[in-house]
């Protein structure tokens, strides 16, 4: 029973570390931005605009949120960069 509890605790700890380090600011290099943005913008009908802004944001923040939509909390710089009108700059 103690071994099972220890194993579950270890697995939970590993998952917390994995999620806390994944996709954070500075996790990419500028050379990795195009591939990350290609995936990020893969489901949008405005692909060219998405790629332009995603790459601009990635080069500044060195981070692209996971998935094709949402998850911006993974990259505060990416999330907090706004347009002049206060809207989100990064897709």
C-alpha atoms as a PDB file:
ATOM      1  CA  UNK A   1       0.000   0.000   0.000  1.00  0.00           C
ATOM      2  CA  UNK A   2       2.813   2.424   0.871  1.00  0.00           C
ATOM      3  CA  UNK A   3       4.555   1.624  -2.423  1.00  0.00           C
ATOM      4  CA  UNK A   4       1.386   2.393  -4.381  1.00  0.00           C
ATOM      5  CA  UNK A   5       0.970   5.735  -2.609  1.00  0.00           C
ATOM      6  CA  UNK A   6       4.612   6.615  -3.186  1.00  0.00           C
ATOM      7  CA  UNK A   7       4.333   5.703  -6.860  1.00  0.00           C
ATOM      8  CA  UNK A   8       1.186   7.803  -7.322  1.00  0.00           C
ATOM      9  CA  UNK A   9       2.825  10.742  -5.580  1.00  0.00           C
ATOM     10  CA  UNK A  10       5.884  10.441  -7.814  1.00  0.00           C
ATOM     11  CA  UNK A  11       3.752  10.310 -10.986  1.00  0.00           C
ATOM     12  CA  UNK A  12       1.715  13.341  -9.861  1.00  0.00           C
ATOM     13  CA  UNK A  13       4.901  15.283  -9.103  1.00  0.00           C
ATOM     14  CA  UNK A  14       6.329  14.441 -12.534  1.00  0.00           C
ATOM     15  CA  UNK A  15       3.134  15.639 -14.239  1.00  0.00           C
ATOM     16  CA  UNK A  16       3.230  18.937 -12.346  1.00  0.00           C
ATOM     17  CA  UNK A  17       6.826  19.513 -13.419  1.00  0.00           C
ATOM     18  CA  UNK A  18       6.021  18.548 -17.013  1.00  0.00           C
ATOM     19  CA  UNK A  19       3.065  20.948 -17.274  1.00  0.00           C
ATOM     20  CA  UNK A  20       4.836  23.800 -15.521  1.00  0.00           C
ATOM     21  CA  UNK A  21       7.798  23.710 -17.916  1.00  0.00           C
ATOM     22  CA  UNK A  22       5.929  23.011 -21.157  1.00  0.00           C
ATOM     23  CA  UNK A  23       5.427  25.970 -23.452  1.00  0.00           C
ATOM     24  CA  UNK A  24       6.688  28.610 -21.051  1.00  0.00           C
ATOM     25  CA  UNK A  25       8.294  31.863 -22.090  1.00  0.00           C
ATOM     26  CA  UNK A  26      11.747  31.377 -23.491  1.00  0.00           C
ATOM     27  CA  UNK A  27      11.073  27.714 -24.234  1.00  0.00           C
ATOM     28  CA  UNK A  28      11.629  28.195 -27.976  1.00  0.00           C
ATOM     29  CA  UNK A  29      14.425  29.593 -30.085  1.00  0.00           C
ATOM     30  CA  UNK A  30      13.719  31.983 -32.959  1.00  0.00           C
ATOM     31  CA  UNK A  31      14.494  29.135 -35.358  1.00  0.00           C
ATOM     32  CA  UNK A  32      11.687  27.054 -33.823  1.00  0.00           C
ATOM     33  CA  UNK A  33       9.048  29.788 -34.174  1.00  0.00           C
ATOM     34  CA  UNK A  34       7.928  29.035 -37.764  1.00  0.00           C
ATOM     35  CA  UNK A  35       7.148  25.389 -36.988  1.00  0.00           C
ATOM     36  CA  UNK A  36       5.312  26.241 -33.757  1.00  0.00           C
ATOM     37  CA  UNK A  37       3.305  28.967 -35.508  1.00  0.00           C
ATOM     38  CA  UNK A  38       2.540  26.705 -38.453  1.00  0.00           C
ATOM     39  CA  UNK A  39       0.771  24.352 -36.057  1.00  0.00           C
ATOM     40  CA  UNK A  40      -0.819  27.181 -34.027  1.00  0.00           C
ATOM     41  CA  UNK A  41      -2.364  28.655 -37.192  1.00  0.00           C
ATOM     42  CA  UNK A  42      -3.289  25.360 -38.859  1.00  0.00           C
ATOM     43  CA  UNK A  43      -7.052  25.610 -38.189  1.00  0.00           C
ATOM     44  CA  UNK A  44      -7.747  29.259 -38.996  1.00  0.00           C
ATOM     45  CA  UNK A  45      -9.269  30.658 -42.155  1.00  0.00           C
ATOM     46  CA  UNK A  46      -6.959  33.695 -41.829  1.00  0.00           C
ATOM     47  CA  UNK A  47      -3.755  31.676 -42.064  1.00  0.00           C
ATOM     48  CA  UNK A  48      -1.420  34.337 -43.516  1.00  0.00           C
ATOM     49  CA  UNK A  49      -2.347  36.986 -40.939  1.00  0.00           C
ATOM     50  CA  UNK A  50      -2.173  34.402 -38.161  1.00  0.00           C
ATOM     51  CA  UNK A  51       1.300  33.286 -39.243  1.00  0.00           C
ATOM     52  CA  UNK A  52       2.569  36.862 -39.528  1.00  0.00           C
ATOM     53  CA  UNK A  53       1.423  37.845 -36.037  1.00  0.00           C
ATOM     54  CA  UNK A  54       2.271  34.511 -34.446  1.00  0.00           C
ATOM     55  CA  UNK A  55       5.853  34.670 -35.733  1.00  0.00           C
ATOM     56  CA  UNK A  56       6.177  38.306 -34.623  1.00  0.00           C
ATOM     57  CA  UNK A  57       4.955  37.385 -31.142  1.00  0.00           C
ATOM     58  CA  UNK A  58       7.096  34.255 -30.970  1.00  0.00           C
ATOM     59  CA  UNK A  59      10.248  36.166 -31.890  1.00  0.00           C
ATOM     60  CA  UNK A  60       9.554  38.628 -29.078  1.00  0.00           C
ATOM     61  CA  UNK A  61       8.348  36.155 -26.423  1.00  0.00           C
ATOM     62  CA  UNK A  62      10.135  32.948 -27.537  1.00  0.00           C
ATOM     63  CA  UNK A  63       6.938  31.074 -26.785  1.00  0.00           C
ATOM     64  CA  UNK A  64       3.809  29.893 -28.603  1.00  0.00           C
ATOM     65  CA  UNK A  65       0.880  28.485 -26.607  1.00  0.00           C
ATOM     66  CA  UNK A  66       0.045  24.837 -27.166  1.00  0.00           C
ATOM     67  CA  UNK A  67      -2.823  23.885 -29.439  1.00  0.00           C
ATOM     68  CA  UNK A  68      -4.490  25.801 -32.229  1.00  0.00           C
ATOM     69  CA  UNK A  69      -6.577  28.076 -29.966  1.00  0.00           C
ATOM     70  CA  UNK A  70      -6.511  29.320 -26.386  1.00  0.00           C
ATOM     71  CA  UNK A  71      -3.970  28.269 -23.727  1.00  0.00           C
ATOM     72  CA  UNK A  72      -2.439  31.768 -23.788  1.00  0.00           C
ATOM     73  CA  UNK A  73      -1.885  31.589 -20.027  1.00  0.00           C
ATOM     74  CA  UNK A  74       1.125  29.383 -20.856  1.00  0.00           C
ATOM     75  CA  UNK A  75       2.893  32.431 -22.310  1.00  0.00           C
ATOM     76  CA  UNK A  76       2.206  35.644 -20.367  1.00  0.00           C
ATOM     77  CA  UNK A  77       4.223  37.807 -22.785  1.00  0.00           C
ATOM     78  CA  UNK A  78       2.275  36.375 -25.731  1.00  0.00           C
ATOM     79  CA  UNK A  79      -0.998  36.815 -23.844  1.00  0.00           C
ATOM     80  CA  UNK A  80      -0.368  40.363 -22.607  1.00  0.00           C
ATOM     81  CA  UNK A  81       0.895  41.968 -25.829  1.00  0.00           C
ATOM     82  CA  UNK A  82      -2.031  44.123 -27.023  1.00  0.00           C
ATOM     83  CA  UNK A  83      -2.890  46.220 -30.085  1.00  0.00           C
ATOM     84  CA  UNK A  84      -3.326  49.993 -29.873  1.00  0.00           C
ATOM     85  CA  UNK A  85      -7.063  49.386 -29.372  1.00  0.00           C
ATOM     86  CA  UNK A  86      -6.436  46.974 -26.496  1.00  0.00           C
ATOM     87  CA  UNK A  87      -7.205  43.751 -28.353  1.00  0.00           C
ATOM     88  CA  UNK A  88      -4.935  40.726 -28.388  1.00  0.00           C
ATOM     89  CA  UNK A  89      -1.956  41.104 -30.717  1.00  0.00           C
ATOM     90  CA  UNK A  90      -0.993  37.433 -30.721  1.00  0.00           C
ATOM     91  CA  UNK A  91      -3.216  34.661 -32.103  1.00  0.00           C
END
